[in-house]
């Protein structure tokens, strides 16, 4: 399979993983593993296996919910499942990112509030007014307060001051005493009141509202199991909802009712959750994949060096590491180029694409990734000027393998995809991590979390490559790159 085209590669189940897919589990399952170990493939095959069980039982109404964090990945998984499953099996698999599921479900239940999945001016205005009217002389920045709201209050589903006074604020860099907490809560209450007055909800609110409806109407859902991909990107409220979505038996999750895959080393959105605290008991049913069969050993070692030293959880209450991983094949060492200008960078990139072609890698198996949409557009325009066909990886749309051309996209968009060759461009100081994001960090702890998330994003992007990897910097290389790589450059 190592030499097969990517469309086969994306649905290939390694023989060592078949037991995970076909086993009759007696409760929720958690499968962890580093990038390239086949977690998403295992999840897809598990969904197919469960859909076939529904067909065998002639359960006409039964469905398998396959959910993930982003609409982009949901589109890619849906396309891959169509290549993997029969039409009858696909008819029993619902693939949707969780925000999309919640929006659709609440709309059908007559939910009147608008859910703010991205910060807009109304949300910003609500924060500005709350801080201006209630936050005088509090000594905490607006950025800190917004982060406290997201990471502590919303993550833990806190609705009252008494709960906020009791909550543990582990990992928060700025200590807050009881009196300050009381002042902070008045700001939060003012912010919440403004959203309520305008009929607005944040995603965590919508998750809770959906969960409360399901608790009141437990027979609403047709799901015989829930399969979750990229678990590291979900927060506590999301997993509490997922626990409610799964089928129940005697008040507990039905055997095999939840199948979760993820890797906290790839957490790029800053959310985290403990399965146990969310009511999902995976003790004794947690497994770890250690064979990386997508990425060469040289690329794997480079990518692991990026996240070396970052403390990582095991998606429950323990810790995790990358010890014991191995790749099945070798390839060229990742290439690093530091150039003085954009023109020199494009010349280096075109030369690298030529070397990929000489190595038998087709244009459609080459992907150029950048940190922002503006940088992606610049790279695409420059490649087209060089006469190269280009296909942009669009949001919420699966990569159409029938289209010829070098792929270009953001690092976030590439999550869940893989290519024979990847070039990471503009990996520069001030770009990764973004200077404005670091400048906005209100304390050292939040700054560290920003840097860690950017390292995870770079790690994820590098591990999309199967055989060849290029890291291209214009001017000063990013501080996120391993020291030995920057020194060599």
Protein backbone atom coordinates (compact mmCIF):
# COMPACT_ATOMS: atom_id res chain seq x y z
CA UNK A 1 0.00 0.00 0.00
CA UNK A 2 2.95 2.36 0.48
CA UNK A 3 3.07 2.95 -3.27
CA UNK A 4 -0.68 3.20 -3.90
CA UNK A 5 -2.36 6.50 -4.94
CA UNK A 6 -3.57 8.77 -2.13
CA UNK A 7 -7.27 8.08 -2.73
CA UNK A 8 -6.63 4.44 -1.71
CA UNK A 9 -4.23 5.45 1.02
CA UNK A 10 -6.82 7.62 2.72
CA UNK A 11 -9.08 4.63 3.45
CA UNK A 12 -6.44 1.92 4.01
CA UNK A 13 -6.85 0.03 7.29
CA UNK A 14 -3.61 -1.42 8.62
CA UNK A 15 -4.13 -5.10 9.51
CA UNK A 16 -2.99 -4.47 13.09
CA UNK A 17 -5.96 -2.12 13.56
CA UNK A 18 -8.75 -4.41 12.41
CA UNK A 19 -9.46 -5.68 15.92
CA UNK A 20 -10.18 -2.12 17.09
CA UNK A 21 -12.78 -1.82 14.35
CA UNK A 22 -14.51 -5.16 14.73
CA UNK A 23 -14.35 -5.80 18.47
CA UNK A 24 -17.60 -5.91 20.45
CA UNK A 25 -16.70 -3.30 23.07
CA UNK A 26 -18.57 -3.22 26.37
CA UNK A 27 -18.48 0.57 26.76
CA UNK A 28 -17.06 3.81 25.30
CA UNK A 29 -13.72 3.44 23.49
CA UNK A 30 -10.84 5.91 23.17
CA UNK A 31 -8.13 5.39 20.54
CA UNK A 32 -5.10 7.68 20.72
CA UNK A 33 -2.07 7.85 18.47
CA UNK A 34 0.37 10.26 16.89
CA UNK A 35 -0.07 11.84 13.48
CA UNK A 36 -0.07 9.32 10.66
CA UNK A 37 -1.03 6.31 12.77
CA UNK A 38 -4.41 5.98 11.06
CA UNK A 39 -6.85 7.19 13.70
CA UNK A 40 -9.31 8.72 11.23
CA UNK A 41 -9.14 5.62 9.04
CA UNK A 42 -9.90 3.44 12.07
CA UNK A 43 -12.85 5.71 12.90
CA UNK A 44 -14.20 5.49 9.34
CA UNK A 45 -13.90 1.71 9.25
CA UNK A 46 -15.61 1.52 12.65
CA UNK A 47 -18.51 3.57 11.26
CA UNK A 48 -18.72 1.26 8.26
CA UNK A 49 -18.64 -1.83 10.50
CA UNK A 50 -21.45 -0.45 12.66
CA UNK A 51 -23.50 0.55 9.60
CA UNK A 52 -23.21 -2.99 8.28
CA UNK A 53 -24.47 -4.28 11.64
CA UNK A 54 -27.52 -2.04 11.25
CA UNK A 55 -28.14 -3.50 7.78
CA UNK A 56 -27.73 -7.05 9.08
CA UNK A 57 -30.35 -6.38 11.77
CA UNK A 58 -32.67 -4.75 9.20
CA UNK A 59 -32.84 -1.72 11.47
CA UNK A 60 -34.32 0.69 8.94
CA UNK A 61 -34.24 3.73 11.24
CA UNK A 62 -30.82 3.15 12.78
CA UNK A 63 -28.04 5.66 12.14
CA UNK A 64 -24.37 6.04 13.01
CA UNK A 65 -23.35 9.62 13.80
CA UNK A 66 -19.82 10.44 12.68
CA UNK A 67 -18.87 13.84 14.04
CA UNK A 68 -15.77 15.99 14.17
CA UNK A 69 -14.84 19.55 15.07
CA UNK A 70 -14.63 21.34 11.70
CA UNK A 71 -16.85 21.42 8.64
CA UNK A 72 -13.73 21.00 6.48
CA UNK A 73 -12.83 17.66 8.01
CA UNK A 74 -16.44 16.49 7.93
CA UNK A 75 -16.51 17.12 4.16
CA UNK A 76 -13.26 15.18 3.67
CA UNK A 77 -14.44 12.26 5.81
CA UNK A 78 -17.77 12.13 3.98
CA UNK A 79 -15.97 11.90 0.64
CA UNK A 80 -13.63 9.18 1.89
CA UNK A 81 -16.49 7.18 3.41
CA UNK A 82 -18.26 7.22 0.05
CA UNK A 83 -15.18 5.53 -1.42
CA UNK A 84 -15.10 3.04 1.44
CA UNK A 85 -18.78 2.18 1.94
CA UNK A 86 -21.58 0.81 -0.19
CA UNK A 87 -24.55 3.05 -0.90
CA UNK A 88 -26.63 1.02 1.58
CA UNK A 89 -24.01 1.47 4.30
CA UNK A 90 -23.70 5.22 3.63
CA UNK A 91 -27.47 5.58 3.97
CA UNK A 92 -27.04 4.71 7.66
CA UNK A 93 -24.05 7.01 8.36
CA UNK A 94 -24.56 10.70 9.13
CA UNK A 95 -21.36 12.75 8.82
CA UNK A 96 -21.56 16.25 10.27
CA UNK A 97 -19.38 18.53 12.37
CA UNK A 98 -20.82 19.05 15.83
CA UNK A 99 -21.65 22.76 15.44
CA UNK A 100 -23.62 21.94 12.30
CA UNK A 101 -25.48 19.15 14.08
CA UNK A 102 -26.40 21.43 16.99
CA UNK A 103 -27.60 24.24 14.71
CA UNK A 104 -29.83 21.88 12.73
CA UNK A 105 -31.17 20.10 15.82
CA UNK A 106 -32.05 23.28 17.69
CA UNK A 107 -33.70 24.82 14.63
CA UNK A 108 -35.96 21.77 14.35
CA UNK A 109 -36.83 22.18 18.04
CA UNK A 110 -37.94 25.78 17.50
CA UNK A 111 -34.83 27.37 19.05
CA UNK A 112 -35.11 31.12 18.58
CA UNK A 113 -31.62 32.29 19.53
CA UNK A 114 -28.85 32.97 17.03
CA UNK A 115 -25.65 30.98 17.68
CA UNK A 116 -22.42 32.96 17.31
CA UNK A 117 -19.90 30.46 15.94
CA UNK A 118 -17.44 33.25 15.13
CA UNK A 119 -16.97 36.48 17.03
CA UNK A 120 -18.83 39.34 15.37
CA UNK A 121 -19.43 43.00 16.15
CA UNK A 122 -22.42 42.33 18.42
CA UNK A 123 -20.32 40.02 20.59
CA UNK A 124 -17.44 42.50 20.64
CA UNK A 125 -19.83 45.31 21.53
CA UNK A 126 -21.28 43.25 24.40
CA UNK A 127 -17.80 42.69 25.81
CA UNK A 128 -16.77 46.32 25.38
CA UNK A 129 -19.87 47.57 27.17
CA UNK A 130 -19.57 45.05 30.02
CA UNK A 131 -15.90 45.89 30.64
CA UNK A 132 -16.51 49.63 30.33
CA UNK A 133 -19.43 49.70 32.77
CA UNK A 134 -18.41 47.00 35.26
CA UNK A 135 -14.66 46.61 34.91
CA UNK A 136 -13.34 49.95 36.16
CA UNK A 137 -10.12 49.64 38.20
CA UNK A 138 -10.28 45.84 38.22
CA UNK A 139 -6.68 45.54 37.01
CA UNK A 140 -7.41 42.84 34.41
CA UNK A 141 -7.34 43.34 30.64
CA UNK A 142 -10.33 42.74 28.38
CA UNK A 143 -8.34 40.00 26.60
CA UNK A 144 -7.76 38.23 29.90
CA UNK A 145 -11.43 38.48 30.84
CA UNK A 146 -12.58 37.03 27.52
CA UNK A 147 -10.12 34.17 27.89
CA UNK A 148 -11.24 33.55 31.49
CA UNK A 149 -14.83 33.42 30.28
CA UNK A 150 -14.04 30.89 27.56
CA UNK A 151 -11.53 28.69 29.38
CA UNK A 152 -13.12 28.66 32.85
CA UNK A 153 -16.76 29.75 32.83
CA UNK A 154 -18.02 28.38 29.53
CA UNK A 155 -15.79 25.31 29.55
CA UNK A 156 -17.21 24.26 32.92
CA UNK A 157 -20.79 25.30 32.24
CA UNK A 158 -20.81 27.83 35.10
CA UNK A 159 -24.00 29.87 35.44
CA UNK A 160 -23.77 31.26 38.97
CA UNK A 161 -21.23 33.19 41.04
CA UNK A 162 -21.14 30.47 43.71
CA UNK A 163 -19.91 27.93 41.14
CA UNK A 164 -17.30 30.38 39.81
CA UNK A 165 -15.98 30.94 43.33
CA UNK A 166 -15.51 27.17 43.75
CA UNK A 167 -14.07 26.26 40.35
CA UNK A 168 -10.43 25.20 39.99
CA UNK A 169 -8.50 27.47 37.61
CA UNK A 170 -5.65 25.06 36.86
CA UNK A 171 -3.25 26.38 34.23
CA UNK A 172 -4.40 30.00 34.46
CA UNK A 173 -1.39 32.27 34.85
CA UNK A 174 -2.97 35.16 36.74
CA UNK A 175 -4.27 34.32 40.24
CA UNK A 176 -7.61 35.84 41.28
CA UNK A 177 -8.74 36.16 44.89
CA UNK A 178 -12.35 35.86 46.01
CA UNK A 179 -13.06 39.59 46.00
CA UNK A 180 -11.66 39.98 42.48
CA UNK A 181 -13.67 36.98 41.32
CA UNK A 182 -16.82 38.69 42.55
CA UNK A 183 -15.94 41.80 40.52
CA UNK A 184 -15.12 39.69 37.48
CA UNK A 185 -18.48 37.96 37.76
CA UNK A 186 -20.32 41.28 37.50
CA UNK A 187 -18.62 41.78 34.12
CA UNK A 188 -19.57 38.29 33.01
CA UNK A 189 -23.16 38.81 34.17
CA UNK A 190 -23.38 42.07 32.20
CA UNK A 191 -21.97 40.38 29.10
CA UNK A 192 -24.42 37.48 29.43
CA UNK A 193 -27.35 39.85 29.95
CA UNK A 194 -26.47 41.74 26.75
CA UNK A 195 -26.35 38.52 24.71
CA UNK A 196 -29.68 37.44 26.21
CA UNK A 197 -31.29 40.77 25.36
CA UNK A 198 -30.28 40.33 21.70
CA UNK A 199 -31.23 36.66 21.51
CA UNK A 200 -27.63 35.47 21.00
CA UNK A 201 -25.89 32.30 22.19
CA UNK A 202 -22.32 31.08 22.15
CA UNK A 203 -21.63 27.50 21.01
CA UNK A 204 -21.22 26.24 24.57
CA UNK A 205 -24.66 27.65 25.41
CA UNK A 206 -26.12 25.88 22.39
CA UNK A 207 -24.50 22.58 23.43
CA UNK A 208 -26.06 22.87 26.88
CA UNK A 209 -29.47 23.83 25.48
CA UNK A 210 -29.41 20.86 23.09
CA UNK A 211 -28.41 18.55 25.95
CA UNK A 212 -31.28 19.75 28.12
CA UNK A 213 -33.76 19.12 25.31
CA UNK A 214 -32.41 15.60 24.82
CA UNK A 215 -32.62 14.87 28.53
CA UNK A 216 -36.27 15.88 28.45
CA UNK A 217 -36.96 13.92 25.24
CA UNK A 218 -34.60 10.91 25.29
CA UNK A 219 -36.34 9.09 22.43
CA UNK A 220 -35.65 11.80 19.85
CA UNK A 221 -32.54 10.30 18.29
CA UNK A 222 -31.98 7.39 15.86
CA UNK A 223 -28.30 6.88 16.70
CA UNK A 224 -27.03 3.40 17.48
CA UNK A 225 -23.50 4.73 18.04
CA UNK A 226 -21.48 7.95 17.86
CA UNK A 227 -18.01 8.03 16.27
CA UNK A 228 -15.86 11.07 17.15
CA UNK A 229 -12.78 12.17 15.19
CA UNK A 230 -10.19 14.77 16.26
CA UNK A 231 -11.36 14.53 19.87
CA UNK A 232 -8.57 16.83 21.10
CA UNK A 233 -10.33 19.86 19.61
CA UNK A 234 -13.57 19.45 21.57
CA UNK A 235 -14.23 21.05 24.95
CA UNK A 236 -16.11 19.86 28.01
CA UNK A 237 -19.55 21.05 26.88
CA UNK A 238 -19.16 19.35 23.51
CA UNK A 239 -18.30 15.99 25.05
CA UNK A 240 -21.11 16.23 27.58
CA UNK A 241 -23.43 16.66 24.59
CA UNK A 242 -21.80 13.73 22.78
CA UNK A 243 -22.39 11.61 25.87
CA UNK A 244 -26.08 12.54 25.65
CA UNK A 245 -26.23 11.75 21.91
CA UNK A 246 -25.02 8.18 22.41
CA UNK A 247 -27.54 5.37 22.95
CA UNK A 248 -28.20 4.40 26.57
CA UNK A 249 -28.73 1.09 28.33
CA UNK A 250 -29.89 1.14 31.95
CA UNK A 251 -28.88 4.78 32.21
CA UNK A 252 -25.30 4.28 30.97
CA UNK A 253 -23.76 4.51 27.52
CA UNK A 254 -24.67 1.37 25.58
CA UNK A 255 -21.84 -1.07 24.78
CA UNK A 256 -19.93 0.25 21.78
CA UNK A 257 -22.07 3.39 21.82
CA UNK A 258 -19.16 5.86 21.67
CA UNK A 259 -15.93 5.43 19.68
CA UNK A 260 -13.45 8.31 20.03
CA UNK A 261 -10.12 8.96 18.29
CA UNK A 262 -7.71 11.82 18.90
CA UNK A 263 -4.23 13.05 19.78
CA UNK A 264 -3.61 15.96 22.15
CA UNK A 265 -0.28 16.69 20.40
CA UNK A 266 -2.46 17.94 17.51
CA UNK A 267 -4.65 20.27 19.60
CA UNK A 268 -4.76 23.55 17.67
CA UNK A 269 -7.93 25.20 19.01
CA UNK A 270 -7.09 25.43 22.71
CA UNK A 271 -10.03 23.41 24.02
CA UNK A 272 -9.61 20.36 26.20
CA UNK A 273 -11.80 17.89 28.02
CA UNK A 274 -11.52 14.96 30.40
CA UNK A 275 -13.60 12.00 29.25
CA UNK A 276 -14.25 11.00 32.86
CA UNK A 277 -15.46 14.47 33.86
CA UNK A 278 -17.79 14.48 30.85
CA UNK A 279 -19.43 11.23 31.91
CA UNK A 280 -17.63 9.06 29.34
CA UNK A 281 -15.86 6.17 31.06
CA UNK A 282 -13.10 4.80 28.82
CA UNK A 283 -11.11 3.14 31.60
CA UNK A 284 -9.94 -0.25 30.38
CA UNK A 285 -11.00 0.59 26.82
CA UNK A 286 -8.30 3.09 25.92
CA UNK A 287 -5.88 2.02 23.19
CA UNK A 288 -2.83 3.66 21.62
CA UNK A 289 -1.59 3.36 18.03
CA UNK A 290 2.20 3.57 17.71
CA UNK A 291 2.90 2.61 14.09
CA UNK A 292 3.10 5.60 11.75
CA UNK A 293 2.52 4.21 8.28
CA UNK A 294 1.71 7.48 6.49
CA UNK A 295 4.86 9.52 7.13
CA UNK A 296 8.53 8.71 6.63
CA UNK A 297 10.66 8.30 9.72
CA UNK A 298 12.63 11.42 8.80
CA UNK A 299 9.51 13.62 8.64
CA UNK A 300 8.05 12.03 11.77
CA UNK A 301 11.17 12.81 13.80
CA UNK A 302 11.23 16.39 12.55
CA UNK A 303 7.55 16.90 13.42
CA UNK A 304 7.98 15.38 16.87
CA UNK A 305 10.87 17.74 17.60
CA UNK A 306 8.50 20.71 17.08
CA UNK A 307 6.26 19.68 20.00
CA UNK A 308 9.03 18.27 22.19
CA UNK A 309 8.63 19.38 25.80
CA UNK A 310 5.00 20.50 25.57
CA UNK A 311 2.98 18.90 28.41
CA UNK A 312 0.16 16.90 26.83
CA UNK A 313 -2.84 15.12 28.33
CA UNK A 314 -4.23 11.74 27.28
CA UNK A 315 -7.73 13.18 26.60
CA UNK A 316 -8.70 12.00 30.06
CA UNK A 317 -7.07 12.65 33.43
CA UNK A 318 -3.57 11.39 32.59
CA UNK A 319 -0.60 12.53 30.51
CA UNK A 320 0.66 11.42 27.12
CA UNK A 321 3.89 11.42 25.12
CA UNK A 322 5.27 10.34 21.76
CA UNK A 323 7.62 7.65 23.05
CA UNK A 324 7.67 4.38 21.17
CA UNK A 325 6.37 5.64 17.83
CA UNK A 326 7.99 4.32 14.68
CA UNK A 327 7.50 4.73 10.96
CA UNK A 328 7.44 1.90 8.46
CA UNK A 329 9.63 3.51 5.80
CA UNK A 330 12.37 6.06 5.20
CA UNK A 331 12.68 8.99 2.81
CA UNK A 332 14.62 12.21 2.23
CA UNK A 333 15.33 14.47 5.18
CA UNK A 334 13.01 17.50 5.39
CA UNK A 335 14.48 20.45 3.48
CA UNK A 336 14.84 23.89 5.05
CA UNK A 337 15.30 27.03 2.98
CA UNK A 338 15.72 30.58 4.28
CA UNK A 339 15.51 33.17 1.50
CA UNK A 340 15.82 36.98 1.47
CA UNK A 341 12.72 37.78 -0.62
CA UNK A 342 9.40 36.47 -1.88
CA UNK A 343 10.81 36.11 -5.40
CA UNK A 344 13.68 34.00 -4.10
CA UNK A 345 11.20 31.95 -2.10
CA UNK A 346 9.08 31.26 -5.18
CA UNK A 347 12.17 30.21 -7.12
CA UNK A 348 13.09 27.78 -4.33
CA UNK A 349 9.52 26.46 -4.20
CA UNK A 350 9.29 25.89 -7.97
CA UNK A 351 12.66 24.10 -7.92
CA UNK A 352 11.43 21.86 -5.08
CA UNK A 353 8.22 21.04 -6.98
CA UNK A 354 10.44 20.06 -9.91
CA UNK A 355 12.42 17.68 -7.68
CA UNK A 356 9.16 16.15 -6.51
CA UNK A 357 8.12 15.60 -10.12
CA UNK A 358 11.50 13.99 -10.87
CA UNK A 359 10.82 11.67 -7.92
CA UNK A 360 7.59 10.50 -9.58
CA UNK A 361 5.25 12.61 -7.45
CA UNK A 362 2.36 14.01 -9.49
CA UNK A 363 1.22 17.63 -9.13
CA UNK A 364 -2.00 16.60 -7.38
CA UNK A 365 0.02 14.91 -4.64
CA UNK A 366 1.93 18.12 -3.86
CA UNK A 367 0.43 20.61 -1.42
CA UNK A 368 1.59 24.10 -0.42
CA UNK A 369 0.43 25.25 3.02
CA UNK A 370 0.57 28.69 4.62
CA UNK A 371 -0.60 30.16 7.93
CA UNK A 372 -3.17 32.66 6.59
CA UNK A 373 -5.59 33.00 3.69
CA UNK A 374 -3.68 36.02 2.38
CA UNK A 375 -0.45 34.04 2.23
CA UNK A 376 -2.27 31.18 0.49
CA UNK A 377 -3.61 33.55 -2.17
CA UNK A 378 -0.14 35.03 -2.71
CA UNK A 379 1.40 31.58 -3.14
CA UNK A 380 -1.35 30.48 -5.54
CA UNK A 381 -1.00 33.61 -7.68
CA UNK A 382 2.79 33.27 -7.82
CA UNK A 383 2.58 29.60 -8.83
CA UNK A 384 0.10 30.39 -11.59
CA UNK A 385 2.48 33.07 -12.92
CA UNK A 386 5.07 30.32 -13.16
CA UNK A 387 2.68 28.39 -15.41
CA UNK A 388 1.79 25.75 -12.81
CA UNK A 389 -1.82 24.51 -12.48
CA UNK A 390 -3.16 25.25 -8.98
CA UNK A 391 -6.14 23.90 -7.02
CA UNK A 392 -7.14 25.76 -3.86
CA UNK A 393 -8.38 23.65 -0.95
CA UNK A 394 -11.74 25.31 -0.28
CA UNK A 395 -13.57 25.46 3.04
CA UNK A 396 -16.33 22.89 3.67
CA UNK A 397 -15.52 21.18 0.37
CA UNK A 398 -13.67 17.90 -0.06
CA UNK A 399 -10.52 17.87 -2.18
CA UNK A 400 -11.60 16.79 -5.66
CA UNK A 401 -8.86 14.38 -6.73
CA UNK A 402 -10.00 14.54 -10.37
CA UNK A 403 -8.77 18.14 -10.63
CA UNK A 404 -5.20 18.39 -11.82
CA UNK A 405 -2.78 20.78 -10.17
CA UNK A 406 -0.69 21.58 -7.11
CA UNK A 407 -2.86 21.98 -4.03
CA UNK A 408 -2.66 25.15 -1.94
CA UNK A 409 -4.41 25.82 1.35
CA UNK A 410 -4.17 27.02 4.90
CA UNK A 411 -2.52 24.91 7.56
CA UNK A 412 -5.87 24.63 9.34
CA UNK A 413 -7.59 23.40 6.17
CA UNK A 414 -5.08 20.60 5.67
CA UNK A 415 -5.98 18.91 8.94
CA UNK A 416 -7.10 15.35 8.22
CA UNK A 417 -5.56 15.31 4.73
CA UNK A 418 -2.33 13.82 3.50
CA UNK A 419 -0.12 14.33 0.44
CA UNK A 420 3.02 12.77 -0.93
CA UNK A 421 4.83 16.11 -0.62
CA UNK A 422 4.13 19.16 1.54
CA UNK A 423 5.75 22.61 1.44
CA UNK A 424 5.21 24.92 4.40
CA UNK A 425 5.79 28.47 3.20
CA UNK A 426 6.33 31.76 5.05
CA UNK A 427 7.25 29.97 8.27
CA UNK A 428 8.62 33.27 9.48
CA UNK A 429 9.17 35.12 12.71
CA UNK A 430 6.05 37.19 13.34
CA UNK A 431 3.92 34.90 11.18
CA UNK A 432 4.14 31.72 13.26
CA UNK A 433 3.15 32.51 15.92
CA UNK A 434 1.35 35.65 14.71
CA UNK A 435 2.85 38.72 16.37
CA UNK A 436 -0.56 40.28 16.96
CA UNK A 437 -1.72 37.16 18.79
CA UNK A 438 1.29 37.18 21.10
CA UNK A 439 0.96 40.91 21.72
CA UNK A 440 -2.67 40.40 22.72
CA UNK A 441 -1.86 37.64 25.23
CA UNK A 442 -2.64 39.17 28.65
CA UNK A 443 -0.26 37.05 30.73
CA UNK A 444 2.63 34.56 30.33
CA UNK A 445 0.39 31.50 30.74
CA UNK A 446 -1.88 32.53 27.88
CA UNK A 447 1.17 33.45 25.80
CA UNK A 448 2.53 29.91 26.37
CA UNK A 449 -0.81 28.44 25.31
CA UNK A 450 -0.68 30.50 22.09
CA UNK A 451 2.85 29.27 21.34
CA UNK A 452 1.91 25.66 22.14
CA UNK A 453 -1.13 25.81 19.84
CA UNK A 454 1.00 27.23 17.01
CA UNK A 455 3.58 24.48 17.54
CA UNK A 456 0.77 21.93 17.33
CA UNK A 457 -0.42 23.53 14.08
CA UNK A 458 3.08 23.35 12.59
CA UNK A 459 3.37 19.74 13.79
CA UNK A 460 0.04 18.83 12.20
CA UNK A 461 0.98 20.54 8.94
CA UNK A 462 4.34 18.79 8.68
CA UNK A 463 2.80 15.38 9.30
CA UNK A 464 0.46 15.76 6.32
CA UNK A 465 3.53 14.82 4.22
CA UNK A 466 4.19 11.24 3.27
CA UNK A 467 7.56 11.40 1.46
CA UNK A 468 8.88 14.95 1.07
CA UNK A 469 8.73 18.07 3.24
CA UNK A 470 9.98 21.60 2.59
CA UNK A 471 10.03 24.38 5.18
CA UNK A 472 10.45 27.78 3.54
CA UNK A 473 11.15 30.98 5.50
CA UNK A 474 11.54 34.49 4.16
CA UNK A 475 13.86 36.51 6.36
CA UNK A 476 14.01 35.15 9.92
CA UNK A 477 12.74 31.60 10.52
CA UNK A 478 9.95 31.07 13.03
CA UNK A 479 10.93 30.48 16.66
CA UNK A 480 8.67 27.41 16.56
CA UNK A 481 11.12 25.46 14.43
CA UNK A 482 13.51 23.17 16.30
CA UNK A 483 16.71 24.94 17.33
CA UNK A 484 18.90 22.59 15.32
CA UNK A 485 16.85 23.30 12.19
CA UNK A 486 17.14 27.09 12.61
CA UNK A 487 20.85 26.74 13.28
CA UNK A 488 21.38 24.65 10.15
CA UNK A 489 19.42 27.19 8.09
